[in-house]
Amino acid sequence: MSKWLWTIFVQGLATILPLALTVALFNVVIRVLRDWLAPLHRFEPACFKAIPFSEIILAVIIVFGLGFILRLFVLKPLIHVLEGLIFKIPLIRPVYSGIKQLVEAFSPSEDNANSFKTVVLVEFPRKGAYSVGFLTSELPVHLSPDSNQKYYNIFIPTTPNPTTGFLIIVPESEIIVTAMNRQSAMTLIISGGIIQPEKS
């Protein structure tokens, strides 16, 4: 009887837990966003103040507006000038540069040379065990262990936090290029392999 009751309880928990955790996660994210965006209340039009989560809506509008303006190449020279000033500040330069490169790596823009586009499999961390990684760039010849073959930099994200991982250098012959796109690979990594990529 106790085993049967425990089975029923576990089945009910397994059913409701994903929904409860999803709601809790969104609740935490919204709270954090509202705290970050609280200063926007000062610039909100009067018509916005009565709307729930108005600061988030305003932030989305601002981001879309900036994206549209950048698309028209209006602000790009100004952004480059501002970044040039930031890169001259010793303590801020490495932090900003690292965050910028990471954001660009996961950017959906197809013309971004730093974007993680190619999903590969490599034997890591040992022979016979394969890891999902992103081919980031070709290693310069003067840094290659063997100048007679090509080597590539591969970023191996960790589960469930893909912003950390390992950078490994692998010869071209040991890289297996997959048909997965970046989104499917990230979903696979973050879920720990639970969510499998759909067949194309």
Protein backbone atom coordinates (compact mmCIF):
# COMPACT_ATOMS: atom_id res chain seq x y z
CA MET A 1 0.00 0.00 0.00
CA SER A 2 2.77 2.45 0.93
CA LYS A 3 4.64 1.66 -2.29
CA TRP A 4 1.49 2.31 -4.33
CA LEU A 5 0.89 5.63 -2.57
CA TRP A 6 4.53 6.63 -3.09
CA THR A 7 4.26 5.81 -6.82
CA ILE A 8 1.12 7.97 -7.13
CA PHE A 9 2.87 10.82 -5.27
CA VAL A 10 5.98 10.64 -7.47
CA GLN A 11 3.86 10.62 -10.65
CA GLY A 12 1.93 13.68 -9.45
CA LEU A 13 5.16 15.44 -8.49
CA ALA A 14 6.76 14.66 -11.85
CA THR A 15 3.69 16.13 -13.58
CA ILE A 16 3.48 19.37 -11.64
CA LEU A 17 7.17 20.03 -10.96
CA PRO A 18 8.15 21.23 -14.48
CA LEU A 19 5.24 23.69 -14.51
CA ALA A 20 5.96 24.89 -10.97
CA LEU A 21 9.68 25.36 -11.64
CA THR A 22 8.95 27.19 -14.91
CA VAL A 23 6.58 29.59 -13.16
CA ALA A 24 9.07 30.10 -10.32
CA LEU A 25 11.92 30.76 -12.76
CA PHE A 26 9.88 33.31 -14.73
CA ASN A 27 8.85 34.94 -11.45
CA VAL A 28 12.48 35.33 -10.38
CA VAL A 29 13.52 36.64 -13.81
CA ILE A 30 10.70 39.21 -13.86
CA ARG A 31 11.58 40.38 -10.34
CA VAL A 32 15.24 40.81 -11.28
CA LEU A 33 14.29 42.65 -14.49
CA ARG A 34 11.95 44.99 -12.60
CA ASP A 35 14.70 45.80 -10.10
CA TRP A 36 17.20 46.49 -12.89
CA LEU A 37 14.73 48.59 -14.88
CA ALA A 38 13.32 50.55 -11.93
CA PRO A 39 15.12 53.80 -13.03
CA LEU A 40 13.02 53.77 -16.23
CA HIS A 41 9.99 54.82 -14.16
CA ARG A 42 11.34 58.38 -14.23
CA PHE A 43 11.13 58.52 -18.04
CA GLU A 44 7.82 56.70 -18.50
CA PRO A 45 5.00 58.58 -20.24
CA ALA A 46 1.89 59.02 -18.10
CA CYS A 47 -0.04 56.52 -20.23
CA PHE A 48 2.49 53.79 -19.34
CA LYS A 49 2.28 54.11 -15.56
CA ALA A 50 -1.05 52.28 -15.29
CA ILE A 51 0.20 49.27 -17.31
CA PRO A 52 1.53 46.28 -15.32
CA PHE A 53 5.26 45.66 -15.89
CA SER A 54 5.42 48.92 -17.81
CA GLU A 55 9.18 49.24 -17.28
CA ILE A 56 9.77 45.91 -19.05
CA ILE A 57 7.54 46.96 -21.95
CA LEU A 58 9.37 50.30 -22.19
CA ALA A 59 12.75 48.55 -22.13
CA VAL A 60 11.66 46.24 -24.98
CA ILE A 61 10.51 49.25 -27.01
CA ILE A 62 13.84 51.00 -26.40
CA VAL A 63 15.81 47.90 -27.43
CA PHE A 64 13.74 47.54 -30.62
CA GLY A 65 14.23 51.23 -31.33
CA LEU A 66 17.99 50.97 -30.92
CA GLY A 67 18.09 47.87 -33.08
CA PHE A 68 16.12 49.65 -35.81
CA ILE A 69 18.37 52.71 -35.69
CA LEU A 70 21.50 50.54 -35.76
CA ARG A 71 20.03 48.70 -38.74
CA LEU A 72 19.99 52.01 -40.55
CA PHE A 73 23.70 52.54 -39.68
CA VAL A 74 22.89 55.80 -37.89
CA LEU A 75 24.42 55.05 -34.49
CA LYS A 76 27.21 52.65 -35.49
CA PRO A 77 29.93 55.35 -35.79
CA LEU A 78 28.88 56.74 -32.41
CA ILE A 79 28.96 53.25 -30.84
CA HIS A 80 32.46 52.66 -32.24
CA VAL A 81 33.66 55.96 -30.75
CA LEU A 82 32.13 55.08 -27.37
CA GLU A 83 33.70 51.61 -27.43
CA GLY A 84 37.05 53.17 -28.32
CA LEU A 85 36.82 55.26 -25.14
CA ILE A 86 35.81 52.21 -23.06
CA PHE A 87 38.75 50.18 -24.40
CA LYS A 88 41.11 52.87 -23.08
CA ILE A 89 39.97 52.32 -19.47
CA PRO A 90 42.30 49.66 -17.96
CA LEU A 91 39.91 47.97 -15.50
CA ILE A 92 36.77 48.15 -17.62
CA ARG A 93 38.37 47.15 -20.95
CA PRO A 94 38.88 43.38 -20.26
CA VAL A 95 35.42 42.99 -18.69
CA TYR A 96 33.60 44.83 -21.48
CA SER A 97 35.63 43.11 -24.19
CA GLY A 98 34.92 39.63 -22.78
CA ILE A 99 31.18 40.26 -22.39
CA LYS A 100 30.96 41.78 -25.87
CA GLN A 101 32.70 38.80 -27.48
CA LEU A 102 30.48 36.35 -25.58
CA VAL A 103 27.31 38.19 -26.64
CA GLU A 104 28.52 38.32 -30.25
CA ALA A 105 29.31 34.62 -30.16
CA PHE A 106 25.68 33.77 -29.39
CA SER A 107 24.28 36.50 -31.62
CA PRO A 108 21.82 35.29 -34.29
CA SER A 109 23.42 37.56 -36.89
CA GLU A 110 24.69 35.48 -39.80
CA ASP A 111 27.31 38.05 -40.83
CA ASN A 112 28.99 37.95 -37.43
CA ALA A 113 32.40 36.32 -37.80
CA ASN A 114 32.61 35.61 -34.06
CA SER A 115 29.29 33.79 -33.90
CA PHE A 116 29.16 30.09 -32.93
CA LYS A 117 27.69 28.68 -36.15
CA THR A 118 29.26 25.23 -36.58
CA VAL A 119 28.30 22.55 -34.06
CA VAL A 120 30.82 19.72 -33.81
CA LEU A 121 31.58 16.55 -31.88
CA VAL A 122 35.05 15.96 -30.49
CA GLU A 123 36.55 13.27 -28.28
CA PHE A 124 36.65 15.02 -24.93
CA PRO A 125 37.54 14.65 -22.07
CA ARG A 126 38.96 11.26 -23.10
CA LYS A 127 39.15 8.91 -26.06
CA GLY A 128 35.82 7.25 -26.77
CA ALA A 129 33.77 9.95 -25.00
CA TYR A 130 32.34 12.67 -27.24
CA SER A 131 31.33 16.23 -26.32
CA VAL A 132 29.21 18.75 -28.18
CA GLY A 133 31.18 21.87 -29.01
CA PHE A 134 31.28 24.95 -31.20
CA LEU A 135 33.98 25.54 -33.77
CA THR A 136 35.09 29.11 -33.10
CA SER A 137 38.09 29.74 -35.38
CA GLU A 138 41.10 28.24 -37.10
CA LEU A 139 44.28 28.26 -35.05
CA PRO A 140 47.06 30.40 -36.60
CA VAL A 141 49.87 28.36 -38.14
CA HIS A 142 52.51 29.83 -35.84
CA LEU A 143 50.57 28.49 -32.81
CA SER A 144 49.82 25.04 -34.25
CA PRO A 145 51.54 22.00 -32.70
CA ASP A 146 52.05 20.66 -36.23
CA SER A 147 52.32 23.06 -39.18
CA ASN A 148 51.49 20.26 -41.63
CA GLN A 149 47.82 20.11 -40.62
CA LYS A 150 45.06 22.52 -39.65
CA TYR A 151 44.01 22.97 -36.03
CA TYR A 152 40.81 24.56 -34.80
CA ASN A 153 39.68 26.19 -31.56
CA ILE A 154 36.66 24.39 -30.11
CA PHE A 155 34.55 25.75 -27.25
CA ILE A 156 32.96 23.01 -25.12
CA PRO A 157 30.11 24.49 -23.00
CA THR A 158 29.32 22.98 -19.61
CA THR A 159 25.92 21.70 -18.46
CA PRO A 160 23.64 23.34 -17.37
CA ASN A 161 25.49 26.69 -17.54
CA PRO A 162 26.79 27.09 -21.11
CA THR A 163 28.51 30.43 -20.41
CA THR A 164 31.38 28.47 -18.86
CA GLY A 165 33.30 25.67 -20.52
CA PHE A 166 36.57 24.51 -21.99
CA LEU A 167 38.62 25.79 -24.89
CA ILE A 168 40.40 22.93 -26.64
CA ILE A 169 42.58 22.84 -29.76
CA VAL A 170 41.81 19.93 -32.07
CA PRO A 171 43.25 18.85 -35.45
CA GLU A 172 40.81 19.01 -38.35
CA SER A 173 40.89 15.23 -38.77
CA GLU A 174 39.42 14.69 -35.28
CA ILE A 175 36.46 17.06 -35.69
CA ILE A 176 33.03 15.66 -36.59
CA VAL A 177 30.75 18.35 -38.03
CA THR A 178 27.07 17.80 -37.12
CA ALA A 179 23.83 18.92 -38.76
CA MET A 180 22.64 20.55 -35.52
CA ASN A 181 22.05 24.27 -35.46
CA ARG A 182 23.21 26.43 -32.56
CA GLN A 183 19.80 26.59 -30.85
CA SER A 184 19.36 22.80 -30.88
CA ALA A 185 22.87 22.28 -29.53
CA MET A 186 22.35 24.79 -26.69
CA THR A 187 19.02 23.17 -25.79
CA LEU A 188 20.69 19.76 -25.70
CA ILE A 189 23.53 21.05 -23.49
CA ILE A 190 21.39 23.06 -21.05
CA SER A 191 18.90 20.20 -20.59
CA GLY A 192 21.69 17.72 -19.93
CA GLY A 193 20.65 15.67 -22.96
CA ILE A 194 17.00 15.34 -21.91
CA ILE A 195 15.68 17.46 -24.80
CA GLN A 196 16.88 15.96 -28.07
CA PRO A 197 17.21 17.93 -31.33
CA GLU A 198 14.35 17.43 -33.76
CA LYS A 199 15.10 15.75 -37.08
CA SER A 200 15.35 18.24 -39.92
